[in-house]
Structures are given as structure tokens and as C-alpha cells.
């Protein structure tokens, strides 16, 4: 049986419940969507700052893959592990970051990620002028698209909740 929210057969209590649920969805998904949007903005700002980091020469001390259990126990993921040494203003530092955002991945992708970094190889190291101990080997692009998509989906669901709440409120008033 189809019940229209504009029908007088729907009890006021039911409309009030729909209104409350609509508002809860709006606040919850809107909040998550805004959080994702601010995260994307922070990532973009950080990625832009990395492009201004100066470089120095360094040398690979170690390169390996660290296996770890994938989320939910579904297989094995691999995290590239790199250690390198570099100098800034006569001070020697050791670093371990390859890129800004790192994580575990498939064996093939992890192998490809550390392939350019053979033991003893000379590398270019990018470092933070204000904190030279903060360094990385690849200041490439940050992939923030997934967070942006999630943000748009959450904001869309929030808009749907707002529409449902608005229609419910209007029905209560009519």
C-alpha cells in the first residue's frame, strides 16, 4: 500500500518521526561530508607546500617490504620500508618516508614502489627547510579524489535528509 506523506491518513506522530530522522540524517551526513571536504582542503594545502621543499642528495641504506594483514583479515598487504641518509647544512639525517601519504598495498604495487631505491643508490631527498629531519623521496601528487567523492556523496545524502525533513515539516503544517 502506498502512503503519501501529504495524505491525511498518515498520523502526525509518523510525520514528526520522519522529520526527526530527516534532520538526524542531514546533520550526520552533512557533518561527515564537511569533515571530508576539510580533509581534502588540508591535503591540497600540504601537497602544495611539498612542492616548495628544496632538495639535497641522499643515499639508500635499506629497502624492504613489510607484510601486514589486510583489514578484516582478508589477505596480506605490503608496506614499503625505506631508509636513507642525507645532509642539510652539514648536519646528517636519516629518513624513511617515500611520499606524503603512505600505506600498505598489493605485493606488485609495493615492489614497484621500492624498485627505484636499490641499496646504496644515490637519491634526491626533499626536506622541510624549517624541520630538515622531515623529508621524503617523492613529493608527487596526493590522491585526494576518494575523499572528495565521499564528501560529495555524504553532502548529497544530507541534502536528501533535508528535503525529507522539509517535506515532513510542511506536511505537519498543512
N, C-alpha and C. Protein backbone atom coordinates (compact mmCIF):
# COMPACT_ATOMS: atom_id res chain seq x y z
N UNK A 1 0.83 -1.17 0.00
CA UNK A 1 0.00 0.00 0.00
C UNK A 1 0.88 1.24 0.00
N UNK A 2 0.60 2.19 -0.88
CA UNK A 2 1.37 3.42 -1.00
C UNK A 2 0.76 4.49 -0.12
N UNK A 3 1.60 5.09 0.72
CA UNK A 3 1.12 6.15 1.60
C UNK A 3 1.87 7.42 1.24
N UNK A 4 1.18 8.43 0.87
CA UNK A 4 1.78 9.72 0.56
C UNK A 4 1.98 10.48 1.86
N UNK A 5 3.10 11.18 1.96
CA UNK A 5 3.30 11.96 3.18
C UNK A 5 2.40 13.18 3.20
N UNK A 6 1.74 13.44 2.06
CA UNK A 6 0.82 14.56 2.01
C UNK A 6 -0.61 14.14 2.33
N UNK A 7 -0.80 12.84 2.54
CA UNK A 7 -2.14 12.32 2.82
C UNK A 7 -2.49 12.54 4.28
N UNK A 8 -3.76 12.77 4.52
CA UNK A 8 -4.20 12.96 5.90
C UNK A 8 -4.25 11.63 6.65
N UNK A 9 -4.02 10.51 5.93
CA UNK A 9 -4.08 9.21 6.59
C UNK A 9 -2.80 8.90 7.37
N UNK A 10 -1.76 9.67 7.16
CA UNK A 10 -0.51 9.45 7.89
C UNK A 10 -0.61 10.20 9.22
N UNK A 11 -0.44 9.49 10.33
CA UNK A 11 -0.56 10.14 11.63
C UNK A 11 0.51 11.22 11.82
N UNK A 12 0.17 12.20 12.59
CA UNK A 12 1.08 13.31 12.90
C UNK A 12 2.36 12.78 13.54
N UNK A 13 2.24 11.77 14.39
CA UNK A 13 3.41 11.20 15.05
C UNK A 13 4.38 10.62 14.01
N UNK A 14 3.83 9.97 12.98
CA UNK A 14 4.68 9.40 11.91
C UNK A 14 5.41 10.49 11.16
N UNK A 15 4.73 11.58 10.86
CA UNK A 15 5.37 12.70 10.18
C UNK A 15 6.44 13.33 11.05
N UNK A 16 6.15 13.44 12.33
CA UNK A 16 7.14 14.00 13.25
C UNK A 16 8.38 13.11 13.31
N UNK A 17 8.19 11.81 13.29
CA UNK A 17 9.32 10.87 13.29
C UNK A 17 10.13 11.02 12.02
N UNK A 18 9.45 11.14 10.88
CA UNK A 18 10.15 11.34 9.61
C UNK A 18 10.93 12.64 9.64
N UNK A 19 10.35 13.68 10.22
CA UNK A 19 11.03 14.97 10.36
C UNK A 19 12.30 14.83 11.19
N UNK A 20 12.19 14.17 12.32
CA UNK A 20 13.35 14.00 13.21
C UNK A 20 14.42 13.16 12.51
N UNK A 21 14.03 12.05 11.88
CA UNK A 21 15.02 11.21 11.18
C UNK A 21 15.67 11.97 10.03
N UNK A 22 14.88 12.75 9.32
CA UNK A 22 15.45 13.56 8.24
C UNK A 22 16.48 14.53 8.75
N UNK A 23 16.18 15.16 9.88
CA UNK A 23 17.15 16.10 10.47
C UNK A 23 18.39 15.39 10.98
N UNK A 24 18.21 14.20 11.55
CA UNK A 24 19.37 13.42 12.02
C UNK A 24 20.26 13.05 10.84
N UNK A 25 19.66 12.56 9.75
CA UNK A 25 20.43 12.24 8.55
C UNK A 25 21.14 13.48 8.02
N UNK A 26 20.44 14.58 8.00
CA UNK A 26 21.03 15.82 7.49
C UNK A 26 22.25 16.20 8.32
N UNK A 27 22.13 16.20 9.63
CA UNK A 27 23.24 16.58 10.50
C UNK A 27 24.39 15.58 10.43
N UNK A 28 24.06 14.29 10.49
CA UNK A 28 25.11 13.27 10.50
C UNK A 28 25.87 13.25 9.18
N UNK A 29 25.17 13.11 8.07
CA UNK A 29 25.86 13.00 6.79
C UNK A 29 26.44 14.35 6.36
N UNK A 30 25.78 15.44 6.73
CA UNK A 30 26.34 16.75 6.44
C UNK A 30 27.64 16.96 7.20
N UNK A 31 27.68 16.55 8.47
CA UNK A 31 28.90 16.67 9.26
C UNK A 31 30.04 15.84 8.69
N UNK A 32 29.74 14.61 8.32
CA UNK A 32 30.78 13.74 7.73
C UNK A 32 31.24 14.32 6.39
N UNK A 33 30.29 14.79 5.60
CA UNK A 33 30.64 15.38 4.30
C UNK A 33 31.54 16.60 4.46
N UNK A 34 31.23 17.44 5.43
CA UNK A 34 32.06 18.62 5.67
C UNK A 34 33.44 18.22 6.19
N UNK A 35 33.48 17.18 7.04
CA UNK A 35 34.78 16.70 7.53
C UNK A 35 35.65 16.23 6.37
N UNK A 36 35.06 15.45 5.45
CA UNK A 36 35.81 15.00 4.27
C UNK A 36 36.26 16.20 3.43
N UNK A 37 35.40 17.19 3.25
CA UNK A 37 35.74 18.37 2.45
C UNK A 37 36.92 19.12 3.07
N UNK A 38 36.91 19.30 4.40
CA UNK A 38 38.02 19.98 5.07
C UNK A 38 39.30 19.13 4.98
N UNK A 39 39.17 17.81 5.04
CA UNK A 39 40.33 16.93 4.89
C UNK A 39 40.95 17.10 3.51
N UNK A 40 40.11 17.15 2.49
CA UNK A 40 40.60 17.35 1.13
C UNK A 40 41.33 18.68 1.03
N UNK A 41 40.77 19.73 1.61
CA UNK A 41 41.40 21.05 1.57
C UNK A 41 42.77 21.03 2.26
N UNK A 42 42.85 20.35 3.41
CA UNK A 42 44.14 20.25 4.12
C UNK A 42 45.17 19.47 3.30
N UNK A 43 44.72 18.39 2.65
CA UNK A 43 45.65 17.60 1.83
C UNK A 43 46.16 18.41 0.65
N UNK A 44 45.29 19.17 0.03
CA UNK A 44 45.72 20.01 -1.09
C UNK A 44 46.74 21.05 -0.64
N UNK A 45 46.49 21.66 0.51
CA UNK A 45 47.42 22.67 1.04
C UNK A 45 48.78 22.03 1.35
N UNK A 46 48.77 20.87 1.99
CA UNK A 46 50.02 20.18 2.33
C UNK A 46 50.77 19.77 1.07
N UNK A 47 50.05 19.27 0.07
CA UNK A 47 50.69 18.86 -1.19
C UNK A 47 51.32 20.06 -1.89
N UNK A 48 50.66 21.21 -1.83
CA UNK A 48 51.22 22.41 -2.45
C UNK A 48 52.49 22.85 -1.72
N UNK A 49 52.50 22.74 -0.38
CA UNK A 49 53.70 23.11 0.38
C UNK A 49 54.88 22.20 0.04
N UNK A 50 54.62 20.92 -0.18
CA UNK A 50 55.69 19.98 -0.51
C UNK A 50 56.42 20.38 -1.78
N UNK A 51 55.70 20.99 -2.70
CA UNK A 51 56.31 21.37 -3.97
C UNK A 51 57.38 22.44 -3.79
N UNK A 52 57.34 23.16 -2.67
CA UNK A 52 58.34 24.20 -2.42
C UNK A 52 59.54 23.70 -1.62
N UNK A 53 59.51 22.45 -1.16
CA UNK A 53 60.62 21.92 -0.38
C UNK A 53 61.87 21.82 -1.26
N UNK A 54 63.03 22.28 -0.75
CA UNK A 54 64.27 22.13 -1.51
C UNK A 54 64.75 20.67 -1.48
N UNK A 55 65.75 20.40 -2.29
CA UNK A 55 66.27 19.03 -2.36
C UNK A 55 67.75 19.00 -2.01
N UNK A 56 68.19 17.82 -1.65
CA UNK A 56 69.60 17.54 -1.39
C UNK A 56 69.86 16.11 -1.84
N UNK A 57 71.11 15.73 -1.88
CA UNK A 57 71.46 14.36 -2.26
C UNK A 57 71.38 13.45 -1.05
N UNK A 58 71.04 12.21 -1.29
CA UNK A 58 70.98 11.22 -0.23
C UNK A 58 71.40 9.86 -0.76
N UNK A 59 71.40 8.88 0.13
CA UNK A 59 71.79 7.53 -0.25
C UNK A 59 70.88 6.53 0.45
N UNK A 60 70.45 5.51 -0.29
CA UNK A 60 69.58 4.47 0.26
C UNK A 60 70.39 3.56 1.17
N UNK A 61 69.89 3.38 2.39
CA UNK A 61 70.54 2.50 3.36
C UNK A 61 69.86 1.13 3.42
N UNK A 62 68.55 1.09 3.19
CA UNK A 62 67.80 -0.17 3.25
C UNK A 62 66.48 0.01 2.49
N UNK A 63 66.03 -1.09 1.91
CA UNK A 63 64.74 -1.11 1.22
C UNK A 63 64.15 -2.50 1.36
N UNK A 64 62.91 -2.58 1.86
CA UNK A 64 62.27 -3.88 2.05
C UNK A 64 60.76 -3.71 2.04
N UNK A 65 60.07 -4.83 2.11
CA UNK A 65 58.62 -4.82 2.18
C UNK A 65 58.21 -5.46 3.50
N UNK A 66 57.28 -4.81 4.20
CA UNK A 66 56.79 -5.33 5.46
C UNK A 66 55.37 -5.84 5.26
N UNK A 67 55.16 -7.16 5.39
CA UNK A 67 53.80 -7.69 5.22
C UNK A 67 52.93 -7.37 6.43
N UNK A 68 51.66 -7.16 6.19
CA UNK A 68 50.69 -6.97 7.28
C UNK A 68 49.35 -7.51 6.82
N UNK A 69 48.54 -7.89 7.78
CA UNK A 69 47.23 -8.43 7.48
C UNK A 69 46.31 -7.32 7.01
N UNK A 70 45.63 -7.56 5.89
CA UNK A 70 44.70 -6.56 5.34
C UNK A 70 43.52 -6.38 6.29
N UNK A 71 42.85 -5.23 6.23
CA UNK A 71 41.68 -5.01 7.09
C UNK A 71 40.66 -6.13 6.95
N UNK A 72 40.13 -6.57 8.05
CA UNK A 72 39.15 -7.65 8.05
C UNK A 72 39.77 -9.03 7.87
N UNK A 73 41.12 -9.09 7.93
CA UNK A 73 41.80 -10.37 7.80
C UNK A 73 41.75 -10.95 6.40
N UNK A 74 41.48 -10.12 5.40
CA UNK A 74 41.34 -10.59 4.02
C UNK A 74 42.66 -10.48 3.27
N UNK A 75 43.56 -11.39 3.50
CA UNK A 75 44.81 -11.44 2.76
C UNK A 75 45.91 -10.62 3.39
N UNK A 76 46.98 -10.47 2.63
CA UNK A 76 48.16 -9.77 3.10
C UNK A 76 48.39 -8.54 2.24
N UNK A 77 48.72 -7.46 2.87
CA UNK A 77 49.11 -6.21 2.20
C UNK A 77 50.58 -5.99 2.52
N UNK A 78 51.23 -5.14 1.75
CA UNK A 78 52.66 -4.91 1.94
C UNK A 78 52.94 -3.41 2.03
N UNK A 79 53.76 -3.06 3.01
CA UNK A 79 54.13 -1.67 3.23
C UNK A 79 55.61 -1.51 2.85
N UNK A 80 55.89 -0.65 1.87
CA UNK A 80 57.30 -0.40 1.51
C UNK A 80 58.05 0.25 2.67
N UNK A 81 59.23 -0.23 2.98
CA UNK A 81 60.07 0.31 4.04
C UNK A 81 61.39 0.77 3.41
N UNK A 82 61.70 2.04 3.58
CA UNK A 82 62.92 2.63 3.03
C UNK A 82 63.65 3.38 4.15
N UNK A 83 64.95 3.32 4.12
CA UNK A 83 65.77 4.17 4.99
C UNK A 83 66.82 4.81 4.11
N UNK A 84 67.03 6.10 4.32
CA UNK A 84 68.03 6.82 3.54
C UNK A 84 68.71 7.86 4.43
N UNK A 85 69.90 8.25 4.01
CA UNK A 85 70.69 9.24 4.75
C UNK A 85 70.90 10.44 3.82
N UNK A 86 70.86 11.64 4.44
CA UNK A 86 71.07 12.87 3.67
C UNK A 86 71.66 13.94 4.59
N UNK A 87 72.17 14.99 4.00
CA UNK A 87 72.75 16.09 4.78
C UNK A 87 72.11 17.41 4.40
N UNK A 88 71.90 18.24 5.42
CA UNK A 88 71.41 19.60 5.24
C UNK A 88 72.25 20.50 6.13
N UNK A 89 72.90 21.49 5.53
CA UNK A 89 73.75 22.45 6.26
C UNK A 89 74.77 21.74 7.15
N UNK A 90 75.39 20.69 6.63
CA UNK A 90 76.43 19.98 7.37
C UNK A 90 75.92 18.99 8.40
N UNK A 91 74.63 18.95 8.65
CA UNK A 91 74.02 18.03 9.62
C UNK A 91 73.50 16.79 8.88
N UNK A 92 73.81 15.60 9.39
CA UNK A 92 73.37 14.35 8.78
C UNK A 92 72.05 13.89 9.39
N UNK A 93 71.14 13.47 8.53
CA UNK A 93 69.82 12.99 8.95
C UNK A 93 69.54 11.65 8.28
N UNK A 94 68.62 10.90 8.88
CA UNK A 94 68.11 9.69 8.25
C UNK A 94 66.60 9.83 8.12
N UNK A 95 66.09 9.40 6.98
CA UNK A 95 64.66 9.47 6.73
C UNK A 95 64.11 8.13 6.32
N UNK A 96 62.78 8.01 6.35
CA UNK A 96 62.13 6.76 5.98
C UNK A 96 60.87 6.96 5.14
N UNK A 97 60.47 8.19 4.91
CA UNK A 97 59.26 8.42 4.13
C UNK A 97 59.57 8.46 2.64
N UNK A 98 58.75 7.76 1.89
CA UNK A 98 58.88 7.81 0.44
C UNK A 98 58.04 8.97 -0.09
N UNK A 99 56.79 9.02 0.34
CA UNK A 99 55.89 10.06 -0.13
C UNK A 99 55.00 10.55 1.00
N UNK A 100 54.24 11.60 0.73
CA UNK A 100 53.41 12.25 1.74
C UNK A 100 52.42 11.29 2.39
N UNK A 101 51.61 10.62 1.60
CA UNK A 101 50.64 9.65 2.12
C UNK A 101 51.13 8.26 1.76
N UNK A 102 51.38 7.46 2.76
CA UNK A 102 51.88 6.12 2.51
C UNK A 102 50.93 5.12 3.14
N UNK A 103 50.94 3.93 2.60
CA UNK A 103 50.11 2.89 3.17
C UNK A 103 50.46 1.54 2.58
N UNK A 104 49.84 0.53 3.12
CA UNK A 104 50.06 -0.83 2.64
C UNK A 104 49.28 -1.02 1.33
N UNK A 105 49.81 -1.87 0.48
CA UNK A 105 49.21 -2.09 -0.83
C UNK A 105 49.47 -3.53 -1.27
N UNK A 106 49.16 -3.84 -2.50
CA UNK A 106 49.40 -5.18 -3.01
C UNK A 106 50.91 -5.43 -3.15
N UNK A 107 51.29 -6.69 -3.24
CA UNK A 107 52.70 -7.04 -3.37
C UNK A 107 53.29 -6.40 -4.63
N UNK A 108 52.59 -6.49 -5.73
CA UNK A 108 53.09 -5.95 -7.01
C UNK A 108 53.30 -4.43 -6.92
N UNK A 109 52.32 -3.72 -6.35
CA UNK A 109 52.45 -2.27 -6.23
C UNK A 109 53.57 -1.88 -5.26
N UNK A 110 53.70 -2.62 -4.17
CA UNK A 110 54.75 -2.33 -3.19
C UNK A 110 56.13 -2.59 -3.80
N UNK A 111 56.27 -3.67 -4.56
CA UNK A 111 57.55 -3.96 -5.22
C UNK A 111 57.90 -2.86 -6.21
N UNK A 112 56.90 -2.41 -6.96
CA UNK A 112 57.13 -1.33 -7.92
C UNK A 112 57.50 -0.03 -7.20
N UNK A 113 56.94 0.17 -6.01
CA UNK A 113 57.19 1.40 -5.25
C UNK A 113 58.63 1.47 -4.76
N UNK A 114 59.22 0.32 -4.35
CA UNK A 114 60.61 0.36 -3.83
C UNK A 114 61.64 0.02 -4.90
N UNK A 115 61.22 -0.42 -6.08
CA UNK A 115 62.16 -0.81 -7.14
C UNK A 115 63.18 0.28 -7.47
N UNK A 116 62.80 1.55 -7.52
CA UNK A 116 63.80 2.59 -7.86
C UNK A 116 64.83 2.84 -6.75
N UNK A 117 64.67 2.22 -5.59
CA UNK A 117 65.51 2.55 -4.45
C UNK A 117 66.37 1.36 -4.03
N UNK A 118 67.38 1.06 -4.82
CA UNK A 118 68.30 -0.05 -4.53
C UNK A 118 69.30 0.36 -3.45
N UNK A 119 69.74 -0.61 -2.68
CA UNK A 119 70.71 -0.38 -1.62
C UNK A 119 71.94 0.36 -2.15
N UNK A 120 72.32 1.46 -1.49
CA UNK A 120 73.50 2.24 -1.87
C UNK A 120 73.25 3.26 -2.97
N UNK A 121 72.09 3.25 -3.56
CA UNK A 121 71.80 4.15 -4.68
C UNK A 121 71.70 5.60 -4.21
N UNK A 122 72.21 6.52 -5.04
CA UNK A 122 72.06 7.95 -4.76
C UNK A 122 70.64 8.37 -5.12
N UNK A 123 70.03 9.18 -4.25
CA UNK A 123 68.66 9.64 -4.47
C UNK A 123 68.56 11.14 -4.18
N UNK A 124 67.51 11.73 -4.69
CA UNK A 124 67.18 13.11 -4.36
C UNK A 124 66.22 13.09 -3.18
N UNK A 125 66.56 13.83 -2.14
CA UNK A 125 65.74 13.90 -0.94
C UNK A 125 65.17 15.32 -0.83
N UNK A 126 63.86 15.42 -0.65
CA UNK A 126 63.21 16.72 -0.45
C UNK A 126 62.96 16.88 1.05
N UNK A 127 63.29 18.05 1.58
CA UNK A 127 63.19 18.25 3.03
C UNK A 127 62.52 19.59 3.36
N UNK A 128 62.00 19.65 4.57
CA UNK A 128 61.36 20.85 5.08
C UNK A 128 62.45 21.79 5.61
N UNK A 129 62.50 22.99 5.09
CA UNK A 129 63.54 23.95 5.49
C UNK A 129 63.49 24.22 6.99
N UNK A 130 62.29 24.31 7.56
CA UNK A 130 62.14 24.62 8.98
C UNK A 130 62.39 23.42 9.89
N UNK A 131 62.24 22.22 9.35
CA UNK A 131 62.48 20.98 10.09
C UNK A 131 63.17 20.00 9.16
N UNK A 132 64.48 20.12 8.98
CA UNK A 132 65.19 19.28 8.00
C UNK A 132 65.07 17.78 8.25
N UNK A 133 64.70 17.38 9.48
CA UNK A 133 64.52 15.95 9.75
C UNK A 133 63.25 15.42 9.08
N UNK A 134 62.37 16.31 8.63
CA UNK A 134 61.17 15.91 7.89
C UNK A 134 61.52 15.90 6.41
N UNK A 135 61.54 14.71 5.83
CA UNK A 135 61.97 14.57 4.45
C UNK A 135 61.20 13.45 3.77
N UNK A 136 61.25 13.46 2.44
CA UNK A 136 60.67 12.38 1.65
C UNK A 136 61.36 12.30 0.30
N UNK A 137 61.17 11.18 -0.37
CA UNK A 137 61.84 10.96 -1.65
C UNK A 137 60.98 11.35 -2.85
N UNK A 138 59.70 11.32 -2.69
CA UNK A 138 58.79 11.60 -3.81
C UNK A 138 57.74 12.59 -3.34
N UNK A 139 57.80 13.79 -3.84
CA UNK A 139 56.81 14.80 -3.44
C UNK A 139 55.69 14.91 -4.48
N UNK A 140 55.50 13.83 -5.21
CA UNK A 140 54.48 13.77 -6.27
C UNK A 140 53.11 14.22 -5.83
N UNK A 141 52.12 13.85 -6.58
CA UNK A 141 50.75 14.29 -6.36
C UNK A 141 50.08 13.48 -5.26
N UNK A 142 49.27 14.15 -4.46
CA UNK A 142 48.47 13.50 -3.44
C UNK A 142 47.15 13.10 -4.08
N UNK A 143 46.76 11.84 -3.93
CA UNK A 143 45.49 11.37 -4.50
C UNK A 143 44.38 11.57 -3.48
N UNK A 144 43.68 12.68 -3.60
CA UNK A 144 42.62 13.05 -2.65
C UNK A 144 41.24 12.84 -3.25
N UNK A 145 41.15 12.29 -4.46
CA UNK A 145 39.86 12.15 -5.13
C UNK A 145 38.85 11.33 -4.34
N UNK A 146 39.31 10.24 -3.70
CA UNK A 146 38.38 9.40 -2.95
C UNK A 146 37.70 10.17 -1.83
N UNK A 147 38.46 11.01 -1.13
CA UNK A 147 37.87 11.82 -0.07
C UNK A 147 36.89 12.84 -0.63
N UNK A 148 37.21 13.39 -1.79
CA UNK A 148 36.29 14.35 -2.42
C UNK A 148 34.99 13.66 -2.81
N UNK A 149 35.09 12.47 -3.41
CA UNK A 149 33.88 11.73 -3.80
C UNK A 149 33.04 11.39 -2.57
N UNK A 150 33.69 10.93 -1.51
CA UNK A 150 32.97 10.60 -0.29
C UNK A 150 32.29 11.84 0.28
N UNK A 151 32.96 12.97 0.20
CA UNK A 151 32.39 14.22 0.68
C UNK A 151 31.13 14.57 -0.11
N UNK A 152 31.20 14.46 -1.42
CA UNK A 152 30.03 14.78 -2.25
C UNK A 152 28.87 13.83 -1.99
N UNK A 153 29.17 12.56 -1.81
CA UNK A 153 28.11 11.58 -1.52
C UNK A 153 27.44 11.91 -0.19
N UNK A 154 28.24 12.17 0.84
CA UNK A 154 27.67 12.49 2.16
C UNK A 154 26.85 13.77 2.11
N UNK A 155 27.34 14.78 1.40
CA UNK A 155 26.58 16.02 1.30
C UNK A 155 25.28 15.80 0.51
N UNK A 156 25.33 14.90 -0.49
CA UNK A 156 24.11 14.56 -1.23
C UNK A 156 23.09 13.87 -0.34
N UNK A 157 23.54 12.93 0.47
CA UNK A 157 22.64 12.25 1.41
C UNK A 157 22.09 13.25 2.43
N UNK A 158 22.93 14.17 2.86
CA UNK A 158 22.48 15.21 3.80
C UNK A 158 21.39 16.06 3.14
N UNK A 159 21.57 16.40 1.88
CA UNK A 159 20.56 17.18 1.18
C UNK A 159 19.25 16.40 1.07
N UNK A 160 19.35 15.09 0.81
CA UNK A 160 18.14 14.25 0.77
C UNK A 160 17.43 14.26 2.12
N UNK A 161 18.19 14.14 3.19
CA UNK A 161 17.60 14.18 4.53
C UNK A 161 16.93 15.52 4.80
N UNK A 162 17.55 16.58 4.31
CA UNK A 162 16.98 17.91 4.48
C UNK A 162 15.65 18.03 3.73
N UNK A 163 15.60 17.48 2.51
CA UNK A 163 14.36 17.51 1.72
C UNK A 163 13.27 16.72 2.43
N UNK A 164 13.60 15.52 2.90
CA UNK A 164 12.61 14.70 3.62
C UNK A 164 12.12 15.43 4.86
N UNK A 165 13.04 16.02 5.61
CA UNK A 165 12.65 16.77 6.81
C UNK A 165 11.76 17.95 6.44
N UNK A 166 12.14 18.64 5.37
CA UNK A 166 11.34 19.79 4.95
C UNK A 166 9.94 19.41 4.50
N UNK A 167 9.84 18.32 3.73
CA UNK A 167 8.52 17.86 3.29
C UNK A 167 7.67 17.41 4.47
N UNK A 168 8.32 16.75 5.43
CA UNK A 168 7.60 16.32 6.62
C UNK A 168 7.10 17.51 7.42
N UNK A 169 7.95 18.49 7.60
CA UNK A 169 7.56 19.68 8.34
C UNK A 169 6.41 20.40 7.62
N UNK A 170 6.51 20.49 6.31
CA UNK A 170 5.46 21.15 5.51
C UNK A 170 4.14 20.40 5.66
N UNK A 171 4.24 19.05 5.64
CA UNK A 171 3.03 18.23 5.79
C UNK A 171 2.40 18.42 7.16
N UNK A 172 3.21 18.62 8.17
CA UNK A 172 2.68 18.83 9.51
C UNK A 172 1.94 20.18 9.61
N UNK A 173 2.42 21.13 8.82
CA UNK A 173 1.82 22.46 8.86
C UNK A 173 0.56 22.58 8.00
N UNK A 174 0.45 21.73 7.00
CA UNK A 174 -0.70 21.84 6.06
C UNK A 174 -1.93 21.15 6.60
